[in-house]
Amino acid sequence: MRKEFIPGAAVLGGVLLFWAAAVLGNLSFLSAPKSPLATLAWLIFVYAAVAITPIVGGLAAADLLRRWQRNRIEGTRRGQERRPAGTGA
């Protein structure tokens, strides 16, 4: 993996980790009795995370795809430049 992919992959990995924890039920803060203010703060945090993570994940995936395509196109161009002229290939 090239260094340019690390930030996008880290963000996408964090989003996927958050959703995996949510699906597996590790967000069980509400099962224990808490004060109403703590419960409200937790609900607002989770609501914000649920609303924001798909957007952030989509942007990270789009960035990774854009970088991958750019590298693939540049690699194709480099391959054409290295090819000897007049070979017909």
Protein backbone atom coordinates (compact mmCIF):
# COMPACT_ATOMS: atom_id res chain seq x y z
CA MET A 1 0.00 0.00 0.00
CA ARG A 2 1.35 3.41 -0.94
CA LYS A 3 1.53 6.20 1.62
CA GLU A 4 -1.04 8.29 -0.23
CA PHE A 5 -3.76 5.71 0.48
CA ILE A 6 -3.24 5.56 4.26
CA PRO A 7 -5.42 8.56 5.35
CA GLY A 8 -8.44 7.50 3.30
CA ALA A 9 -8.05 3.87 4.32
CA ALA A 10 -7.79 4.86 8.00
CA VAL A 11 -10.98 6.94 7.83
CA LEU A 12 -12.86 4.22 5.97
CA GLY A 13 -11.58 1.62 8.44
CA GLY A 14 -12.76 3.74 11.38
CA VAL A 15 -16.22 4.10 9.86
CA LEU A 16 -16.44 0.37 9.22
CA LEU A 17 -15.23 -0.36 12.75
CA PHE A 18 -17.90 1.95 14.19
CA TRP A 19 -20.66 0.24 12.21
CA ALA A 20 -19.34 -3.23 13.06
CA ALA A 21 -19.44 -2.32 16.75
CA ALA A 22 -22.97 -0.99 16.33
CA VAL A 23 -24.16 -4.12 14.53
CA LEU A 24 -22.58 -6.41 17.11
CA GLY A 25 -24.30 -4.53 19.93
CA ASN A 26 -21.29 -2.99 21.60
CA LEU A 27 -23.07 0.33 21.95
CA SER A 28 -24.92 -0.87 25.05
CA PHE A 29 -24.54 2.31 27.06
CA LEU A 30 -28.30 2.56 27.48
CA SER A 31 -28.67 -0.80 29.22
CA ALA A 32 -27.32 0.45 32.55
CA PRO A 33 -29.24 3.08 34.52
CA LYS A 34 -27.78 6.56 33.92
CA SER A 35 -28.87 10.10 34.58
CA PRO A 36 -31.20 11.62 31.99
CA LEU A 37 -28.53 14.14 30.95
CA ALA A 38 -25.94 11.40 30.36
CA THR A 39 -28.49 9.41 28.36
CA LEU A 40 -29.39 12.46 26.27
CA ALA A 41 -25.72 13.27 25.61
CA TRP A 42 -25.09 9.67 24.53
CA LEU A 43 -28.11 9.68 22.23
CA ILE A 44 -27.01 12.95 20.61
CA PHE A 45 -23.49 11.57 20.11
CA VAL A 46 -24.77 8.36 18.53
CA TYR A 47 -27.27 10.26 16.37
CA ALA A 48 -24.50 12.55 15.10
CA ALA A 49 -22.20 9.59 14.45
CA VAL A 50 -24.92 7.73 12.57
CA ALA A 51 -25.67 10.82 10.48
CA ILE A 52 -22.04 11.75 9.75
CA THR A 53 -20.28 8.40 9.25
CA PRO A 54 -21.98 7.50 5.94
CA ILE A 55 -20.98 10.88 4.51
CA VAL A 56 -17.39 10.61 5.75
CA GLY A 57 -17.15 6.99 4.62
CA GLY A 58 -18.46 7.86 1.17
CA LEU A 59 -15.96 10.71 0.81
CA ALA A 60 -13.10 8.46 1.93
CA ALA A 61 -14.13 5.72 -0.50
CA ALA A 62 -14.42 8.26 -3.34
CA ASP A 63 -10.97 9.62 -2.49
CA LEU A 64 -9.43 6.14 -2.50
CA LEU A 65 -11.10 5.32 -5.81
CA ARG A 66 -9.94 8.60 -7.35
CA ARG A 67 -6.34 8.02 -6.22
CA TRP A 68 -6.38 4.42 -7.45
CA GLN A 69 -7.71 5.43 -10.86
CA ARG A 70 -5.18 8.26 -11.17
CA ASN A 71 -2.32 5.90 -10.36
CA ARG A 72 -3.62 3.32 -12.82
CA ILE A 73 -3.90 5.90 -15.61
CA GLU A 74 -0.42 7.29 -14.86
CA GLY A 75 0.96 3.74 -14.90
CA THR A 76 -0.61 3.15 -18.30
CA ARG A 77 0.89 6.38 -19.62
CA ARG A 78 4.32 5.44 -18.27
CA GLY A 79 4.04 2.05 -19.96
CA GLN A 80 3.26 3.70 -23.31
CA GLU A 81 6.23 6.05 -22.97
CA ARG A 82 8.63 3.15 -22.33
CA ARG A 83 7.45 1.16 -25.31
CA PRO A 84 9.90 1.43 -28.27
CA ALA A 85 8.59 3.37 -31.25
CA GLY A 86 7.67 1.45 -34.37
CA THR A 87 6.91 -1.86 -32.68
CA GLY A 88 3.23 -1.69 -33.56
CA ALA A 89 2.25 -2.67 -30.05
